[in-house]
Protein backbone atom coordinates (compact mmCIF):
# COMPACT_ATOMS: atom_id res chain seq x y z
CA MET A 1 35.62 81.20 161.15
CA SER A 2 36.86 82.62 157.84
CA TYR A 3 34.32 84.60 155.86
CA ASP A 4 34.02 82.81 152.53
CA PRO A 5 30.33 82.96 151.50
CA ALA A 6 30.54 80.00 149.11
CA ASP A 7 32.13 77.79 151.77
CA LEU A 8 29.71 79.00 154.43
CA ILE A 9 26.71 78.27 152.22
CA GLU A 10 27.92 74.70 151.66
CA ARG A 11 28.63 74.25 155.36
CA TYR A 12 25.23 75.62 156.29
CA LEU A 13 23.43 73.40 153.78
CA GLY A 14 25.42 70.37 154.89
CA TYR A 15 24.27 70.81 158.47
CA ALA A 16 20.69 71.66 157.53
CA LEU A 17 20.21 68.74 155.13
CA ALA A 18 21.72 66.34 157.68
CA GLY A 19 19.02 67.43 160.12
CA HIS A 20 21.44 69.30 162.39
CA ARG A 21 19.36 72.45 162.67
CA GLN A 22 21.22 73.88 165.67
CA ARG A 23 24.57 73.48 163.95
CA ALA A 24 23.18 75.26 160.89
CA VAL A 25 21.91 78.10 163.07
CA SER A 26 25.32 78.27 164.76
CA VAL A 27 26.93 79.06 161.40
CA ALA A 28 24.95 82.31 161.33
CA LEU A 29 25.39 83.11 165.03
CA ASP A 30 29.14 82.48 164.96
CA LEU A 31 29.47 84.95 162.09
CA LEU A 32 27.54 87.52 164.10
CA ASP A 33 29.86 86.95 167.08
CA GLU A 34 32.82 87.58 164.80
CA GLY A 35 31.43 90.96 163.80
CA VAL A 36 29.84 90.15 160.45
CA PRO A 37 26.79 92.43 160.12
CA LYS A 38 23.42 90.72 160.28
CA SER A 39 22.45 92.12 156.88
CA ARG A 40 25.47 90.43 155.25
CA ILE A 41 24.67 87.10 156.90
CA LEU A 42 21.12 87.31 155.58
CA CYS A 43 22.02 88.48 152.06
CA GLU A 44 25.26 86.57 151.48
CA VAL A 45 24.68 83.28 153.31
CA LEU A 46 21.08 82.50 154.25
CA ALA A 47 19.26 83.85 151.20
CA PRO A 48 21.74 82.28 148.74
CA ALA A 49 21.46 78.99 150.63
CA GLN A 50 17.71 79.04 150.05
CA ARG A 51 18.19 79.80 146.35
CA GLU A 52 20.74 77.00 146.00
CA THR A 53 18.28 74.62 147.65
CA GLY A 54 15.68 75.59 145.06
CA ARG A 55 18.15 75.04 142.21
CA ARG A 56 19.05 71.59 143.53
CA TRP A 57 15.38 70.68 143.81
CA GLN A 58 14.83 71.82 140.23
CA ARG A 59 17.69 69.60 139.07
CA GLY A 60 16.14 66.67 140.90
CA GLU A 61 18.93 66.48 143.47
CA LEU A 62 16.69 67.30 146.44
CA THR A 63 13.11 66.46 147.37
CA VAL A 64 10.37 68.74 148.61
CA ALA A 65 11.00 67.30 152.07
CA ASP A 66 14.65 68.36 151.80
CA GLU A 67 13.53 71.87 150.88
CA HIS A 68 11.33 72.01 153.94
CA ILE A 69 14.17 70.88 156.20
CA VAL A 70 16.42 73.68 154.91
CA SER A 71 13.64 76.27 155.11
CA GLY A 72 12.97 75.27 158.71
CA ALA A 73 16.63 75.73 159.60
CA THR A 74 16.73 79.10 157.86
CA HIS A 75 13.60 80.24 159.66
CA SER A 76 15.28 79.35 162.97
CA ALA A 77 18.49 81.12 161.93
CA VAL A 78 16.64 84.34 161.02
CA GLU A 79 14.77 84.29 164.33
CA ALA A 80 18.01 83.63 166.23
CA LEU A 81 19.70 86.58 164.54
CA ALA A 82 16.71 88.76 165.39
CA THR A 83 16.78 87.94 169.09
CA THR A 84 20.47 88.82 169.43
CA GLU A 85 19.92 92.43 168.42
CA ALA A 86 19.54 95.15 171.02
CA VAL A 87 16.29 97.07 170.88
CA THR A 88 16.91 100.46 169.26
CA PRO A 89 14.57 103.40 168.61
CA ALA A 90 12.75 102.90 165.33
CA GLN A 91 11.42 105.39 162.83
CA GLY A 92 7.78 105.06 161.83
CA LEU A 93 6.01 101.75 161.37
CA VAL A 94 5.64 99.65 158.22
CA ALA A 95 3.39 96.58 158.13
CA VAL A 96 5.10 93.75 156.21
CA VAL A 97 2.78 91.07 154.87
CA CYS A 98 2.92 88.33 152.26
CA ALA A 99 0.42 88.58 149.42
CA GLU A 100 -2.84 86.80 150.12
CA GLY A 101 -2.23 83.18 149.11
CA GLU A 102 1.56 83.51 149.40
CA TRP A 103 2.95 81.11 152.01
CA HIS A 104 6.66 81.65 151.31
CA ALA A 105 7.35 83.77 154.37
CA LEU A 106 11.15 83.56 154.58
CA PRO A 107 11.86 86.36 152.09
CA ALA A 108 9.51 88.63 154.06
CA LEU A 109 11.15 87.66 157.38
CA MET A 110 14.59 88.50 156.00
CA PHE A 111 13.28 91.79 154.64
CA VAL A 112 11.84 92.60 158.08
CA GLU A 113 15.20 92.10 159.78
CA GLU A 114 17.02 94.19 157.20
CA LEU A 115 14.46 96.99 157.56
CA ARG A 116 15.00 96.97 161.30
CA ASP A 117 18.73 97.32 160.69
CA HIS A 118 17.91 100.49 158.75
CA GLY A 119 16.06 101.96 161.71
CA GLN A 120 12.55 101.19 160.50
CA GLY A 121 9.79 100.18 162.85
CA VAL A 122 8.22 96.96 161.56
CA LEU A 123 5.00 95.07 162.19
CA CYS A 124 5.45 91.58 160.68
CA LEU A 125 2.13 89.97 159.73
CA GLY A 126 3.59 86.80 158.20
CA PRO A 127 2.33 84.63 155.32
CA SER A 128 -0.97 84.91 153.47
CA VAL A 129 -3.03 87.18 155.70
CA PRO A 130 -6.60 87.47 154.34
CA ALA A 131 -7.06 90.97 152.97
CA GLY A 132 -10.38 91.23 154.76
CA ASP A 133 -8.62 90.96 158.12
CA LEU A 134 -6.22 93.82 157.43
CA PRO A 135 -8.40 96.89 158.08
CA ALA A 136 -8.76 95.97 161.77
CA VAL A 137 -4.99 95.47 162.04
CA PHE A 138 -4.31 98.80 160.35
CA ALA A 139 -6.76 100.58 162.64
CA ARG A 140 -5.20 99.03 165.74
CA HIS A 141 -1.52 99.60 164.91
CA GLN A 142 -1.68 102.69 162.65
CA PRO A 143 1.28 101.87 160.34
CA ASP A 144 2.66 104.50 157.96
CA ALA A 145 2.83 102.13 155.00
CA VAL A 146 2.40 98.53 153.91
CA ALA A 147 5.08 96.34 152.29
CA ILE A 148 3.89 93.28 150.37
CA SER A 149 6.11 90.27 149.60
CA CYS A 150 5.26 88.06 146.61
CA SER A 151 7.63 85.29 145.56
CA VAL A 152 5.38 83.44 143.10
CA ALA A 153 3.40 84.99 140.25
CA LEU A 154 0.43 82.73 141.01
CA HIS A 155 -0.37 85.13 143.86
CA TYR A 156 -0.52 88.38 141.91
CA ARG A 157 -4.19 88.87 142.72
CA GLY A 158 -3.26 88.51 146.38
CA VAL A 159 -0.93 91.50 145.96
CA THR A 160 -3.83 93.53 144.61
CA ALA A 161 -6.16 92.41 147.39
CA VAL A 162 -3.70 93.59 150.06
CA ALA A 163 -2.89 96.80 148.17
CA ASP A 164 -6.58 97.66 147.84
CA ALA A 165 -7.11 97.07 151.56
CA ALA A 166 -4.18 99.34 152.38
CA HIS A 167 -5.34 102.09 150.02
CA THR A 168 -8.83 102.01 151.49
CA HIS A 169 -7.16 102.81 154.80
CA GLY A 170 -5.08 105.57 153.21
CA LEU A 171 -1.77 103.67 153.39
CA PRO A 172 0.82 103.65 150.59
CA VAL A 173 2.04 100.28 149.36
CA LEU A 174 5.52 99.02 148.58
CA ALA A 175 5.60 95.64 146.81
CA GLY A 176 8.56 93.35 146.16
CA GLY A 177 9.78 89.79 145.87
CA ARG A 178 11.23 87.51 143.20
CA SER A 179 8.07 87.54 141.08
CA LEU A 180 7.82 91.33 140.84
CA THR A 181 9.42 94.14 138.89
CA SER A 182 8.62 97.84 139.09
CA ARG A 183 6.19 97.53 136.19
CA ARG A 184 4.48 94.43 137.55
CA ALA A 185 4.12 95.94 141.02
CA ALA A 186 2.53 99.07 139.55
CA ALA A 187 0.13 97.02 137.42
CA LEU A 188 -1.06 95.21 140.55
CA GLY A 189 -1.77 98.44 142.43
CA ALA A 190 1.43 99.10 144.39
CA ASP A 191 2.72 102.66 144.77
CA GLY A 192 6.37 101.69 144.79
CA TRP A 193 8.99 99.01 144.29
CA ALA A 194 12.61 98.94 145.39
CA THR A 195 15.71 97.15 144.15
CA ASP A 196 17.03 96.48 147.67
CA VAL A 197 16.32 97.18 151.33
CA ARG A 198 18.28 100.45 151.36
CA ASP A 199 16.12 101.79 148.52
CA ALA A 200 13.02 100.51 150.30
CA ALA A 201 13.98 102.26 153.55
CA ASP A 202 14.69 105.51 151.67
CA LEU A 203 11.35 105.28 149.88
CA LEU A 204 9.47 104.66 153.13
CA ASP A 205 11.26 107.62 154.75
CA GLY A 206 10.21 109.80 151.83
CA TRP A 207 6.61 108.68 152.05
CA ARG A 208 6.42 109.76 155.66
CA GLN A 209 7.28 113.26 154.52
CA GLN A 210 5.29 113.23 151.28
CA PRO A 211 2.83 110.34 150.74
CA PRO A 212 2.40 109.23 147.12
CA SER A 213 -0.82 109.58 145.16
CA MET A 214 -2.98 106.50 145.60
CA PHE A 215 -5.85 104.95 143.64
CA ARG A 216 -8.35 104.40 146.40
CA ASP A 217 -10.93 102.86 144.07
CA GLY A 218 -8.70 99.80 143.65
CA ALA A 219 -6.45 98.40 140.94
CA HIS A 220 -8.08 97.60 137.60
CA LEU A 221 -6.99 94.11 136.60
CA ASP A 222 -7.78 92.70 133.17
CA PRO A 223 -11.19 90.95 133.49
CA GLY A 224 -10.22 88.23 131.03
CA ALA A 225 -7.10 87.37 133.01
CA VAL A 226 -9.10 87.31 136.25
CA ALA A 227 -11.69 84.99 134.69
CA LEU A 228 -8.97 82.69 133.35
CA ASP A 229 -7.37 82.50 136.79
CA ASP A 230 -10.73 81.71 138.37
CA ARG A 231 -11.41 78.90 135.91
CA ALA A 232 -7.87 77.51 135.64
CA GLY A 233 -8.85 74.27 137.37
CA GLN A 234 -11.72 73.69 134.94
CA TYR A 235 -9.48 74.32 131.95
CA ALA A 236 -6.90 71.92 133.39
CA ASP A 237 -9.54 69.20 133.66
CA LEU A 238 -10.62 69.76 130.05
CA ALA A 239 -7.02 69.75 128.84
CA PHE A 240 -6.26 66.55 130.73
CA SER A 241 -9.25 64.85 129.10
CA THR A 242 -7.96 66.01 125.71
CA LEU A 243 -4.53 64.57 126.49
CA GLU A 244 -6.10 61.24 127.44
CA ASP A 245 -7.75 61.10 124.00
CA ARG A 246 -4.54 62.07 122.18
CA LEU A 247 -1.99 60.10 124.20
CA PRO A 248 -2.92 56.46 124.93
CA GLN A 249 0.20 56.12 127.11
CA LEU A 250 -1.50 58.21 129.81
CA ALA A 251 -3.55 55.10 130.64
CA SER A 252 -0.39 53.51 132.06
CA TYR A 253 0.44 56.48 134.30
CA THR A 254 0.33 55.98 138.05
CA GLU A 255 -2.11 58.08 140.05
CA ARG A 256 0.80 60.23 141.20
CA GLN A 257 1.93 60.83 137.61
CA ARG A 258 -1.60 61.68 136.54
CA ALA A 259 -1.98 64.11 139.44
CA HIS A 260 1.31 65.83 138.56
CA THR A 261 0.28 66.11 134.89
CA ARG A 262 -3.07 67.61 135.77
CA ALA A 263 -1.42 70.01 138.28
CA ASP A 264 1.06 71.19 135.65
CA LEU A 265 -1.80 71.94 133.28
CA GLU A 266 -3.43 74.11 135.94
CA TYR A 267 -0.14 75.91 136.59
CA ILE A 268 0.17 76.59 132.86
CA ALA A 269 -3.33 78.09 132.80
CA ARG A 270 -2.66 80.20 135.88
CA TYR A 271 0.61 81.52 134.50
CA LEU A 272 -1.20 82.50 131.31
CA ALA A 273 -3.54 84.44 133.58
CA ALA A 274 -0.66 85.96 135.56
CA ALA A 275 0.95 87.23 132.35
CA GLY A 276 -2.37 88.87 131.46
CA LEU A 277 -2.74 90.44 134.90
CA VAL A 278 0.52 92.38 134.52
CA GLY A 279 0.49 92.69 130.72
CA GLU A 280 3.81 90.85 130.25
CA PRO A 281 3.79 87.89 127.83
CA GLU A 282 7.46 87.22 128.64
CA LEU A 283 6.44 86.16 132.15
CA PHE A 284 4.65 83.16 130.65
CA ALA A 285 7.61 82.34 128.42
CA GLU A 286 9.87 82.37 131.48
CA PHE A 287 7.59 79.92 133.24
CA ILE A 288 7.39 77.53 130.27
CA ASP A 289 11.19 77.56 129.98
CA TRP A 290 11.45 76.80 133.68
CA LEU A 291 8.86 74.01 133.51
CA ALA A 292 10.57 72.41 130.50
CA ASP A 293 13.89 72.49 132.31
CA LEU A 294 12.35 71.07 135.49
CA LEU A 295 10.75 68.16 133.62
CA ASP A 296 13.90 67.53 131.60
CA HIS A 297 15.82 66.94 134.82
CA ARG A 298 13.20 64.33 135.71
CA GLY A 299 13.47 62.51 132.40
CA VAL A 300 10.32 63.99 130.87
CA PRO A 301 10.83 65.19 127.27
CA VAL A 302 10.05 68.76 126.28
CA SER A 303 7.41 67.35 123.94
CA ALA A 304 5.27 66.79 127.05
CA VAL A 305 5.15 70.54 127.66
CA HIS A 306 4.27 71.04 124.00
CA GLU A 307 1.45 68.48 124.18
CA GLY A 308 0.08 69.95 127.40
CA LEU A 309 0.13 73.51 126.13
CA GLN A 310 -1.48 72.44 122.88
CA ALA A 311 -4.23 70.56 124.70
CA LEU A 312 -4.94 73.55 126.92
CA SER A 313 -5.01 75.92 123.94
CA THR A 314 -7.92 74.07 122.37
CA HIS A 315 -10.14 75.17 125.27
CA LEU A 316 -9.23 78.86 125.42
CA GLY A 317 -11.78 80.15 122.92
CA ASP A 318 -13.20 82.56 125.51
CA HIS A 319 -9.73 84.03 126.12
CA PRO A 320 -8.32 85.13 122.75
CA GLN A 321 -5.30 86.96 124.20
CA ALA A 322 -4.30 83.96 126.28
CA ALA A 323 -4.87 81.65 123.32
CA GLN A 324 -2.60 83.83 121.17
CA LEU A 325 0.11 83.84 123.83
CA ALA A 326 -0.18 80.05 124.13
CA ALA A 327 0.19 79.69 120.35
CA THR A 328 3.24 81.96 120.29
CA THR A 329 4.81 80.02 123.14
CA LEU A 330 4.07 76.70 121.41
CA ALA A 331 6.26 77.85 118.52
CA MET A 332 8.95 78.87 120.98
CA VAL A 333 8.90 75.45 122.66
CA ALA A 334 9.20 73.70 119.30
CA ASP A 335 12.15 75.88 118.26
CA ALA A 336 14.10 75.81 121.53
CA PRO A 337 13.58 72.70 123.67
CA ARG A 338 16.07 73.81 126.34
CA ARG A 339 16.76 77.40 127.37
CA GLY A 340 17.98 77.37 130.96
CA HIS A 341 16.23 80.62 131.95
CA PRO A 342 16.37 81.72 135.60
CA GLN A 343 13.15 81.25 137.55
CA PRO A 344 12.12 84.66 138.93
CA THR A 345 8.46 83.71 138.95
CA GLN A 346 8.60 79.98 139.34
CA ARG A 347 6.03 77.61 140.79
CA GLN A 348 7.40 76.38 144.08
CA ALA A 349 7.32 72.73 145.04
CA HIS A 350 5.77 73.48 148.41
């Protein structure tokens, strides 16, 4: 098999979307048999295939069910690659866990396999482990550090919950994932962030020699942002009622359309909160750009985002910073109906 990543990604997706999971897995295993390193298969074929699936869903070319089919095949491929590796001595032990509330486990699973390739001992805890359950795990396995994966900004508080649990146990925290940057990870209580697995492995090696300073009294998140996140559902209900008064056409919406509209309002409120949690207004702008593009591909005009954001803004009197950010973003939406931003912190369909 020739090694052309673009061709391999298309071949892999063709098999996966057709329901031929074993054939999709064989694409990865055949590459391994031909001497392609596992890390390259993960980074250059499987991970890009997942991202391409997300892009196609955003453009309305795939359904959520299609996404799940591909994710299932990729999960099987990662596990198959893992079982073909010989057991080698590992250095230290890092516990890898998704942020509390984060159910997108594939990025963490890929990270685990790459860490193992770098000689790291790994304890994989999987998706959304309750932070309250972690102290017993840490006491039993005695890891050197904790690595947190967070793909979606809606789960920022879950990063902090896990980080606080680790710090209470005296463990340093590395945080990463598509929704995080170095600054965001630090704001949520992490002690480090890495651009890739090699940097992560080097950082973990260094921590074993010289642990970083840790804030054992917990991260200090903005109380207003926390309160907004807690009440996002209530604000969505109020905003939806406001939209019903302003837009008579909502009366003709199907129940599914009404549910999607109400859900989008809650996502808008929660992303306002997420931006406040990490002190980055641009995070909210990125999300609104992404949402406008998503709806545009489904035939929904950008004015719908404007109306929804405006309706929500009328109920944010107790959150002046969020209200100001919403007002600023309203002007942005009016000036630039289509931007085509990437989606580093996007809401996932599943």
